[in-house]
Amino acid sequence: MADLLAPHSPPSALHRTREALRAYRLVAGMWLRASLAYRASFWMTTVGNAATSVLDFAVIAIMFLHTSSLGGWTLPQVAFLYGTSGVALGLADLLVGSLDQLGARVRDGSVDTVLVRPAAALAQLSADRFALRRVGRVAQSGLVLAWSLSRLDLSWSPLKVLVMVSLVVCGTTIFGSVFVAGAAFQFYANDAAEVQNAFTYGGQCPARCSFNA
């Protein structure tokens, strides 16, 4: 009885992180199984997302049909910029992109069911409606990035490989942070999804096309 009445120390940050990741994995796995129940629809949507993303880079490639450089940038250099930003945004969208619908959940009251569950609310909302079909955008940007690396004259070293991996990881973290910040803002402005998109999906084009500056 004395052990039950004694105060318990709060869980450590590492324990809370593990529990949040576990909740994310369970919720995302549930939605993944649901999406794979209709495999034909899943693959058609995934390929469609990748094909739509191809058009973005096709427009850029067309610009270089009659010139070798634009603003001092060559096509492989632009492709590198396109690929890194596309992979980073695609991974962030895949992992936490569902947060842009938080405003709608606040309005219809469904977010209350998340807050009463014994699991991290951020993990639940991030994994809600997890859509693996978004990986098509990541794959398309990854192919463009791989092509640009094969055309650029780079002498690889372990440090440069580490920098390349850090570039993708840090870019994904930054885009994911914007998703989280935008979701938090939607608690105060319930219909602010488009404002958030201006800094994520909308900001992707300036990031890719900044070589025109």
Protein backbone atom coordinates (compact mmCIF):
# COMPACT_ATOMS: atom_id res chain seq x y z
CA MET A 1 0.00 0.00 0.00
CA ALA A 2 2.84 2.36 0.79
CA ASP A 3 4.29 1.78 -2.69
CA LEU A 4 0.95 2.66 -4.26
CA LEU A 5 0.66 5.90 -2.29
CA ALA A 6 4.26 6.94 -2.85
CA PRO A 7 4.77 9.61 -5.52
CA HIS A 8 6.05 8.30 -8.84
CA SER A 9 8.65 10.14 -10.87
CA PRO A 10 7.48 11.34 -14.29
CA PRO A 11 8.60 9.28 -17.29
CA SER A 12 11.85 10.34 -18.87
CA ALA A 13 12.03 12.12 -22.20
CA LEU A 14 13.47 8.98 -23.79
CA HIS A 15 10.55 6.91 -22.53
CA ARG A 16 8.02 9.44 -23.83
CA THR A 17 9.76 9.48 -27.20
CA ARG A 18 9.66 5.69 -27.45
CA GLU A 19 5.97 5.64 -26.57
CA ALA A 20 5.22 8.35 -29.14
CA LEU A 21 7.07 6.44 -31.86
CA ARG A 22 5.21 3.28 -30.89
CA ALA A 23 1.87 5.09 -31.16
CA TYR A 24 2.88 6.50 -34.54
CA ARG A 25 3.87 3.06 -35.79
CA LEU A 26 0.59 1.49 -34.68
CA VAL A 27 -1.63 4.18 -36.19
CA ALA A 28 0.37 4.34 -39.44
CA GLY A 29 0.33 0.55 -39.69
CA MET A 30 -3.44 0.52 -39.35
CA TRP A 31 -3.88 2.97 -42.23
CA LEU A 32 -1.26 1.17 -44.28
CA ARG A 33 -3.13 -2.12 -43.99
CA ALA A 34 -6.34 -0.34 -44.95
CA SER A 35 -4.77 1.20 -48.09
CA LEU A 36 -3.21 -2.10 -49.17
CA ALA A 37 -6.60 -3.80 -48.98
CA TYR A 38 -7.19 -2.39 -52.50
CA ARG A 39 -3.79 -2.98 -54.06
CA ALA A 40 -4.74 -1.99 -57.60
CA SER A 41 -6.04 1.37 -56.42
CA PHE A 42 -2.96 1.85 -54.24
CA TRP A 43 -0.48 1.24 -57.07
CA MET A 44 -2.45 3.32 -59.56
CA THR A 45 -2.49 6.26 -57.15
CA THR A 46 1.21 5.86 -56.32
CA VAL A 47 2.24 5.75 -59.98
CA GLY A 48 -0.10 8.65 -60.72
CA ASN A 49 1.55 10.80 -58.04
CA ALA A 50 4.98 10.00 -59.45
CA ALA A 51 3.86 10.71 -63.02
CA THR A 52 2.37 14.06 -62.01
CA SER A 53 5.62 15.02 -60.31
CA VAL A 54 7.55 14.16 -63.49
CA LEU A 55 5.80 17.05 -65.24
CA ASP A 56 7.39 19.49 -62.78
CA PHE A 57 10.89 18.52 -63.79
CA ALA A 58 9.92 18.20 -67.46
CA VAL A 59 9.12 21.93 -67.52
CA ILE A 60 12.57 22.70 -66.10
CA ALA A 61 14.29 20.36 -68.55
CA ILE A 62 12.53 22.01 -71.51
CA MET A 63 14.11 25.33 -70.52
CA PHE A 64 17.55 23.83 -71.16
CA LEU A 65 16.79 22.52 -74.65
CA HIS A 66 18.24 25.65 -76.28
CA THR A 67 20.82 26.73 -73.72
CA SER A 68 23.49 25.08 -71.61
CA SER A 69 22.93 27.25 -68.54
CA LEU A 70 20.43 29.65 -67.03
CA GLY A 71 21.69 32.27 -64.60
CA GLY A 72 24.93 30.33 -64.33
CA TRP A 73 23.15 27.08 -63.43
CA THR A 74 23.43 23.94 -65.54
CA LEU A 75 20.68 21.34 -65.80
CA PRO A 76 22.42 18.81 -63.49
CA GLN A 77 22.88 21.54 -60.87
CA VAL A 78 19.22 22.52 -61.08
CA ALA A 79 18.27 18.84 -60.96
CA PHE A 80 20.30 18.50 -57.75
CA LEU A 81 18.41 21.42 -56.21
CA TYR A 82 15.11 19.99 -57.44
CA GLY A 83 15.89 16.48 -56.18
CA THR A 84 17.06 17.44 -52.70
CA SER A 85 14.11 19.76 -52.06
CA GLY A 86 11.67 17.23 -53.55
CA VAL A 87 12.96 14.32 -51.47
CA ALA A 88 12.95 16.39 -48.27
CA LEU A 89 9.43 17.70 -48.81
CA GLY A 90 8.18 14.31 -49.96
CA LEU A 91 9.49 12.57 -46.85
CA ALA A 92 8.04 15.25 -44.57
CA ASP A 93 4.71 15.02 -46.39
CA LEU A 94 4.75 11.24 -46.06
CA LEU A 95 5.56 11.29 -42.34
CA VAL A 96 3.58 14.27 -41.01
CA GLY A 97 1.64 15.63 -44.01
CA SER A 98 -1.69 14.68 -42.41
CA LEU A 99 -1.24 17.57 -39.96
CA ASP A 100 -2.48 20.03 -42.58
CA GLN A 101 -6.01 18.68 -41.94
CA LEU A 102 -5.92 19.53 -38.25
CA GLY A 103 -8.05 22.63 -38.72
CA ALA A 104 -10.92 20.56 -40.11
CA ARG A 105 -10.63 18.15 -37.18
CA VAL A 106 -10.75 21.03 -34.72
CA ARG A 107 -13.91 22.36 -36.35
CA ASP A 108 -15.77 19.03 -36.40
CA GLY A 109 -14.62 18.09 -32.88
CA SER A 110 -12.90 14.84 -33.87
CA VAL A 111 -9.59 16.05 -32.43
CA ASP A 112 -11.09 15.56 -28.96
CA THR A 113 -10.97 11.79 -29.42
CA VAL A 114 -7.21 12.08 -29.95
CA LEU A 115 -6.63 14.16 -26.82
CA VAL A 116 -8.33 11.65 -24.49
CA ARG A 117 -6.31 8.65 -25.66
CA PRO A 118 -3.29 7.57 -23.57
CA ALA A 119 -0.83 8.33 -26.35
CA ALA A 120 1.03 11.35 -27.69
CA ALA A 121 -1.42 13.55 -29.59
CA LEU A 122 1.22 14.71 -32.08
CA ALA A 123 2.12 11.12 -32.98
CA GLN A 124 -1.53 10.20 -33.49
CA LEU A 125 -2.32 13.24 -35.64
CA SER A 126 0.86 12.84 -37.71
CA ALA A 127 0.10 9.20 -38.51
CA ASP A 128 -3.62 9.73 -39.06
CA ARG A 129 -4.62 8.70 -42.59
CA PHE A 130 -1.01 7.70 -43.32
CA ALA A 131 -0.78 7.48 -47.11
CA LEU A 132 2.10 5.39 -48.44
CA ARG A 133 1.07 6.40 -51.96
CA ARG A 134 2.89 9.69 -51.33
CA VAL A 135 6.13 7.76 -51.68
CA GLY A 136 5.70 8.12 -55.45
CA ARG A 137 6.73 11.77 -55.18
CA VAL A 138 9.76 10.81 -53.11
CA ALA A 139 10.78 8.16 -55.64
CA GLN A 140 10.49 10.58 -58.57
CA SER A 141 12.57 13.25 -56.82
CA GLY A 142 15.06 10.59 -55.76
CA LEU A 143 15.54 9.48 -59.36
CA VAL A 144 16.16 13.08 -60.45
CA LEU A 145 18.64 13.48 -57.60
CA ALA A 146 20.44 10.27 -58.56
CA TRP A 147 20.65 11.43 -62.19
CA SER A 148 22.07 14.81 -61.18
CA LEU A 149 24.73 13.18 -58.99
CA SER A 150 25.77 10.96 -61.88
CA ARG A 151 26.21 14.01 -64.15
CA LEU A 152 27.97 16.30 -61.71
CA ASP A 153 31.73 16.03 -61.49
CA LEU A 154 32.01 15.09 -57.82
CA SER A 155 34.85 13.35 -56.06
CA TRP A 156 33.10 11.48 -53.28
CA SER A 157 34.56 11.05 -49.81
CA PRO A 158 33.04 9.78 -46.55
CA LEU A 159 32.59 13.36 -45.38
CA LYS A 160 30.71 14.35 -48.55
CA VAL A 161 28.45 11.31 -48.20
CA LEU A 162 27.72 12.35 -44.62
CA VAL A 163 26.94 15.90 -45.77
CA MET A 164 24.59 14.54 -48.45
CA VAL A 165 22.70 12.40 -45.95
CA SER A 166 22.58 15.30 -43.49
CA LEU A 167 21.19 17.53 -46.24
CA VAL A 168 18.22 15.24 -46.78
CA VAL A 169 17.65 14.60 -43.06
CA CYS A 170 17.86 18.29 -42.13
CA GLY A 171 15.64 19.29 -45.06
CA THR A 172 13.03 16.75 -44.01
CA THR A 173 13.21 18.00 -40.43
CA ILE A 174 12.75 21.61 -41.51
CA PHE A 175 9.75 20.84 -43.72
CA GLY A 176 8.30 18.63 -40.97
CA SER A 177 8.73 21.46 -38.47
CA VAL A 178 6.80 23.77 -40.78
CA PHE A 179 3.99 21.21 -40.93
CA VAL A 180 3.91 21.03 -37.12
CA ALA A 181 4.04 24.82 -36.71
CA GLY A 182 1.24 25.23 -39.25
CA ALA A 183 -0.86 22.64 -37.44
CA ALA A 184 -0.35 24.46 -34.13
CA PHE A 185 -1.44 27.71 -35.77
CA GLN A 186 -4.68 26.06 -36.88
CA PHE A 187 -5.78 25.82 -33.25
CA TYR A 188 -6.09 29.62 -33.35
CA ALA A 189 -7.12 30.05 -37.00
CA ASN A 190 -9.19 26.99 -37.79
CA ASP A 191 -9.25 27.55 -41.56
CA ALA A 192 -5.55 28.19 -42.11
CA ALA A 193 -4.58 25.10 -44.10
CA GLU A 194 -3.83 27.17 -47.21
CA VAL A 195 -1.59 29.48 -45.21
CA GLN A 196 0.38 26.44 -44.10
CA ASN A 197 0.52 25.10 -47.66
CA ALA A 198 2.07 28.38 -48.82
CA PHE A 199 5.17 27.50 -46.79
CA THR A 200 5.27 23.80 -47.71
CA TYR A 201 3.83 22.81 -51.08
CA GLY A 202 3.74 26.40 -52.32
CA GLY A 203 7.26 27.07 -51.13
CA GLN A 204 8.54 24.04 -53.01
CA CYS A 205 8.39 25.76 -56.40
CA PRO A 206 10.47 28.80 -55.38
CA ALA A 207 12.99 26.44 -53.82
CA ARG A 208 13.28 24.50 -57.05
CA CYS A 209 13.20 27.47 -59.37
CA SER A 210 15.46 29.87 -57.46
CA PHE A 211 18.16 29.38 -60.11
CA ASN A 212 16.28 31.97 -62.18
CA ALA A 213 17.15 34.66 -59.65
